Protein backbone atom coordinates (compact mmCIF):
# COMPACT_ATOMS: atom_id res chain seq x y z
CA MET A 1 62.75 109.97 114.10
CA GLU A 2 61.74 109.72 110.39
CA ILE A 3 62.73 106.67 108.37
CA PHE A 4 63.00 106.78 104.57
CA PHE A 5 62.95 103.20 103.17
CA THR A 6 64.07 104.27 99.69
CA VAL A 7 67.12 105.81 101.33
CA ILE A 8 67.80 102.59 103.28
CA ALA A 9 67.68 100.60 100.00
CA ILE A 10 69.99 102.99 98.16
CA ILE A 11 72.54 103.05 101.00
CA PHE A 12 72.41 99.32 101.33
CA VAL A 13 73.09 98.64 97.69
CA PHE A 14 75.85 101.21 97.20
CA ASP A 15 77.47 100.68 100.54
CA LEU A 16 77.53 96.91 99.72
CA ILE A 17 79.48 97.87 96.57
CA ASP A 18 81.61 100.48 98.37
CA SER A 19 82.56 98.08 101.21
CA SER A 20 83.48 95.38 98.62
CA ALA A 21 85.34 97.52 96.14
CA GLY A 22 86.43 100.56 98.16
CA GLN A 23 84.28 103.04 96.27
CA GLY A 24 80.69 103.84 95.50
CA LEU A 25 78.77 104.84 98.61
CA GLY A 26 79.15 108.66 98.60
CA THR A 27 80.24 108.99 95.04
CA VAL A 28 77.02 107.50 93.59
CA SER A 29 74.45 107.61 96.36
CA ALA A 30 75.01 111.49 96.92
CA PRO A 31 73.78 112.47 93.39
CA LEU A 32 70.92 109.94 93.58
CA LEU A 33 69.71 111.38 96.92
CA LEU A 34 70.09 115.00 95.60
CA MET A 35 67.98 114.07 92.57
CA MET A 36 65.32 112.75 95.03
CA GLY A 37 65.00 116.30 96.42
CA PHE A 38 67.09 116.17 99.57
CA SER A 39 69.45 119.11 100.12
CA SER A 40 73.28 118.73 100.12
CA TYR A 41 73.36 119.87 103.71
CA GLN A 42 71.10 116.87 104.58
CA VAL A 43 73.01 114.33 102.37
CA ILE A 44 76.69 115.20 102.92
CA PRO A 45 77.06 115.25 106.75
CA SER A 46 75.09 112.01 107.17
CA LEU A 47 77.02 110.29 104.39
CA VAL A 48 80.33 111.14 106.08
CA ILE A 49 79.09 109.81 109.42
CA VAL A 50 77.77 106.60 107.89
CA ALA A 51 81.10 106.25 105.96
CA ALA A 52 82.94 106.33 109.26
CA MET A 53 80.99 103.43 110.63
CA SER A 54 80.94 101.49 107.41
CA GLY A 55 84.65 101.91 106.80
CA LEU A 56 85.75 100.80 110.22
CA VAL A 57 83.45 97.77 110.33
CA SER A 58 84.18 96.52 106.90
CA GLY A 59 87.86 97.30 107.33
CA TRP A 60 87.91 94.93 110.35
CA PHE A 61 86.10 92.26 108.31
CA HIS A 62 88.52 92.74 105.41
CA HIS A 63 91.27 91.86 107.87
CA GLU A 64 89.34 88.87 109.23
CA PHE A 65 88.71 87.53 105.68
CA GLU A 66 92.41 88.02 104.93
CA ASN A 67 91.92 90.55 102.07
CA VAL A 68 94.54 92.53 103.97
CA HIS A 69 96.65 91.98 107.02
CA TYR A 70 97.08 94.75 109.64
CA SER A 71 99.54 94.50 112.45
CA LEU A 72 101.00 96.99 114.93
CA LYS A 73 104.01 94.78 115.63
CA ARG A 74 107.29 96.31 114.57
CA PRO A 75 108.44 96.59 111.97
CA LEU A 76 105.07 97.63 110.50
CA ASN A 77 104.07 95.84 107.35
CA ASP A 78 103.33 97.81 104.13
CA GLU A 79 99.61 97.50 104.45
CA THR A 80 99.58 98.98 108.02
CA LYS A 81 101.97 101.81 107.07
CA THR A 82 99.77 102.70 104.02
CA VAL A 83 96.65 102.88 106.13
CA LEU A 84 98.33 105.01 108.82
CA PHE A 85 99.91 107.36 106.25
CA THR A 86 96.86 107.87 103.99
CA GLY A 87 94.50 108.00 106.99
CA GLY A 88 96.58 110.77 108.59
CA VAL A 89 96.85 112.89 105.48
CA GLY A 90 93.12 112.39 104.68
CA SER A 91 92.03 113.27 108.18
CA LEU A 92 93.76 116.64 108.01
CA MET A 93 92.27 117.44 104.72
CA ILE A 94 88.66 116.39 105.56
CA ALA A 95 88.71 118.58 108.74
CA PHE A 96 90.06 121.49 106.65
CA SER A 97 87.43 121.03 103.87
CA VAL A 98 84.44 120.68 106.26
CA PHE A 99 85.21 123.98 108.01
CA LEU A 100 86.28 125.81 104.91
CA VAL A 101 83.24 124.83 102.77
CA HIS A 102 80.42 124.30 105.27
CA TYR A 103 81.33 127.11 107.76
CA VAL A 104 83.43 129.73 105.95
CA ILE A 105 82.15 129.61 102.39
CA GLN A 106 78.74 127.94 102.67
CA PRO A 107 78.10 127.75 98.98
CA PRO A 108 74.61 127.42 97.47
CA ASP A 109 73.11 123.91 97.16
CA PHE A 110 73.44 124.11 93.38
CA VAL A 111 77.20 124.71 93.59
CA LEU A 112 77.77 121.65 95.86
CA SER A 113 75.55 119.53 93.75
CA MET A 114 77.44 120.56 90.56
CA TYR A 115 80.76 119.81 92.27
CA ILE A 116 79.54 116.35 93.21
CA ALA A 117 78.36 115.64 89.64
CA ILE A 118 81.62 116.70 87.97
CA LEU A 119 83.57 114.77 90.57
CA VAL A 120 81.59 111.59 89.85
CA ILE A 121 82.19 111.92 86.06
CA VAL A 122 85.96 112.53 86.48
CA MET A 123 86.28 109.57 88.82
CA GLY A 124 84.32 107.33 86.52
CA PHE A 125 86.43 108.44 83.54
CA LEU A 126 89.66 107.69 85.39
CA GLY A 127 88.37 104.26 86.36
CA LEU A 128 87.49 103.45 82.82
CA VAL A 129 90.95 104.53 81.66
CA ARG A 130 92.45 102.09 84.14
CA VAL A 131 90.26 99.28 82.71
CA LYS A 132 91.50 100.10 79.22
CA GLU A 133 95.14 99.81 80.47
CA GLY A 134 94.25 96.16 81.35
CA SER A 135 96.78 94.39 83.49
CA LYS A 136 99.52 97.02 83.36
CA LYS A 137 101.65 96.82 86.51
CA TYR A 138 103.03 99.81 88.47
CA THR A 139 106.08 99.93 90.71
CA TYR A 140 105.24 100.23 94.41
CA ARG A 141 105.64 103.90 95.35
CA PRO A 142 104.16 104.61 98.79
CA LYS A 143 105.09 108.31 98.76
CA PHE A 144 103.12 108.75 95.46
CA ILE A 145 99.88 108.14 97.50
CA VAL A 146 100.10 111.34 99.49
CA THR A 147 98.57 113.51 96.75
CA PHE A 148 95.72 111.10 96.19
CA ALA A 149 95.11 110.86 100.00
CA ALA A 150 94.94 114.66 100.27
CA ILE A 151 92.50 114.98 97.34
CA ALA A 152 90.36 112.15 98.58
CA GLY A 153 90.05 113.65 102.04
CA PHE A 154 89.17 117.08 100.69
CA ASN A 155 86.52 115.55 98.42
CA LYS A 156 84.95 113.67 101.30
CA GLY A 157 84.45 116.74 103.37
CA VAL A 158 83.07 118.80 100.45
CA GLY A 159 80.63 116.42 98.86
CA GLY A 160 80.28 113.31 101.01
CA GLY A 161 81.87 111.18 98.26
CA GLY A 162 84.83 111.08 95.97
CA TYR A 163 87.13 109.43 98.49
CA GLY A 164 87.13 105.84 97.39
CA PRO A 165 87.55 106.37 93.63
CA VAL A 166 90.52 108.78 94.19
CA LEU A 167 92.37 106.64 96.75
CA VAL A 168 91.69 103.37 95.06
CA MET A 169 93.13 104.78 91.88
CA GLY A 170 96.08 106.24 93.86
CA ASN A 171 96.75 102.92 95.45
CA ILE A 172 96.63 101.06 92.16
CA LEU A 173 98.85 103.62 90.43
CA SER A 174 101.26 103.23 93.36
CA GLY A 175 101.61 99.58 92.60
CA ILE A 176 98.99 97.92 94.86
CA TYR A 177 96.86 95.07 93.67
CA GLU A 178 93.16 96.03 93.07
CA LYS A 179 91.55 93.94 95.80
CA THR A 180 94.15 95.04 98.32
CA ALA A 181 93.65 98.64 97.23
CA ALA A 182 89.96 98.39 97.83
CA ALA A 183 90.34 96.82 101.26
CA LEU A 184 92.98 99.47 102.30
CA THR A 185 90.80 102.24 101.05
CA GLN A 186 87.78 101.08 103.01
CA THR A 187 89.77 101.08 106.25
CA THR A 188 91.28 104.52 105.73
CA GLU A 189 87.90 105.90 104.75
CA GLY A 190 86.58 104.79 108.08
CA ILE A 191 89.38 106.62 109.79
CA VAL A 192 89.16 109.78 107.80
CA SER A 193 85.35 109.86 107.93
CA THR A 194 85.46 109.61 111.67
CA VAL A 195 87.42 112.85 111.80
CA GLY A 196 84.94 114.31 109.30
CA ALA A 197 82.00 113.23 111.45
CA VAL A 198 83.54 114.87 114.50
CA SER A 199 84.08 118.03 112.42
CA PHE A 200 80.47 118.16 111.33
CA PHE A 201 79.15 117.67 114.90
CA ALA A 202 81.53 120.35 116.09
CA LEU A 203 80.38 122.63 113.36
CA ALA A 204 76.73 122.08 114.25
CA LEU A 205 77.52 122.93 117.93
CA LEU A 206 79.66 125.87 116.89
CA ASP A 207 77.04 127.41 114.65
CA PRO A 208 73.47 126.51 115.58
CA THR A 209 72.27 128.49 112.58
CA SER A 210 74.12 126.34 110.12
CA ARG A 211 72.16 124.40 107.47
CA ILE A 212 73.62 121.07 108.57
CA ASP A 213 70.73 118.62 108.92
CA PHE A 214 70.97 114.98 110.15
CA LEU A 215 67.49 114.03 108.97
CA LEU A 216 68.72 111.11 106.86
CA LEU A 217 71.18 109.69 109.33
CA PRO A 218 68.95 106.90 110.93
CA SER A 219 67.93 105.63 107.47
CA MET A 220 71.49 105.72 106.11
CA PHE A 221 72.88 104.03 109.30
CA THR A 222 70.31 101.18 108.94
CA GLY A 223 71.23 100.35 105.26
CA SER A 224 74.91 100.69 105.86
CA PHE A 225 75.17 98.42 108.84
CA PHE A 226 74.08 95.27 107.06
CA ALA A 227 76.03 96.13 103.96
CA SER A 228 79.27 96.61 105.84
CA VAL A 229 79.14 93.12 107.36
CA LEU A 230 78.33 91.33 104.12
CA ALA A 231 80.63 93.21 101.69
CA PRO A 232 84.06 91.88 102.59
CA TYR A 233 82.96 88.29 101.91
CA ILE A 234 81.67 89.36 98.48
CA LEU A 235 85.07 91.01 97.72
CA ARG A 236 86.81 87.74 98.61
CA VAL A 237 84.74 85.47 96.34
CA LEU A 238 83.92 87.68 93.27
CA PRO A 239 86.55 88.04 90.48
CA ASN A 240 88.56 91.20 90.50
CA LYS A 241 87.70 92.09 86.89
CA ILE A 242 84.04 92.64 87.80
CA TRP A 243 84.84 95.59 90.06
CA LYS A 244 87.28 97.13 87.48
CA VAL A 245 84.41 97.73 85.06
CA LEU A 246 81.34 97.90 87.10
CA ILE A 247 82.18 100.79 89.48
CA PRO A 248 83.54 103.40 87.05
CA GLY A 249 80.95 102.56 84.48
CA TYR A 250 77.92 103.31 86.64
CA ALA A 251 79.64 106.25 88.23
CA PHE A 252 80.25 107.96 84.91
CA ILE A 253 76.72 107.35 83.70
CA ILE A 254 75.09 108.64 86.87
CA GLY A 255 77.33 111.73 86.88
CA ILE A 256 76.29 112.59 83.30
CA TYR A 257 72.61 112.10 84.13
CA PHE A 258 72.90 114.25 87.31
CA ILE A 259 74.49 117.19 85.45
CA ILE A 260 71.66 117.05 82.87
CA ARG A 261 69.08 117.10 85.67
CA LEU A 262 70.81 120.09 87.23
CA LEU A 263 70.94 122.21 84.05
CA LEU A 264 67.53 121.43 82.73
């Protein structure tokens, strides 16, 4: 078992932010790891598996720290219904995208890397637009989230990232407060990524000649575990305005830099 300490550090930092703010792990760490020379078929499956563990653990702690409240008692509260709804839609889409992209199409590494780079830039831009809008309030529209949940699930299966930024934005545009949106997204990402992880393992068994490689999984798991426990407390104590600017800003910059690296 090979351990990469640089990978542990990267995953710890960005999973800490991801578990706190609902976005950042796959969206930002994926291009960084690809720029380090790892292939997309090493990065993406392990990121999805780690996101499953991270999302479920931090989702539970978000509940414990009262960032959100989940309950299976009827009638279900809005937070529980949102998680079940977005998690169900996202699970269907991630299973579909994993088998479509990594089994049927199997695009070249460059194509997957470029998709990830463009996705990061778009998500960063949308986040910055949200910051510019300031404190604009939206009417709560739970059905509006279905489109964002589908896109987020598809992105997660294709590139290992792009789930959090899409669904956080979808939750906010649907009238959910930023901190609540981040906590809800983290929980649903755990559910959706669990389905994605099962899909990748099934694909590896189905096609032993596939390029899927779990080389980075031990290092990613190590960095993610500690971040997942610490992050919900950070979300509780840090001001909401910090996350609104920090996440889209660094995502946009890294995406631009990654495209330049790919094209040069």
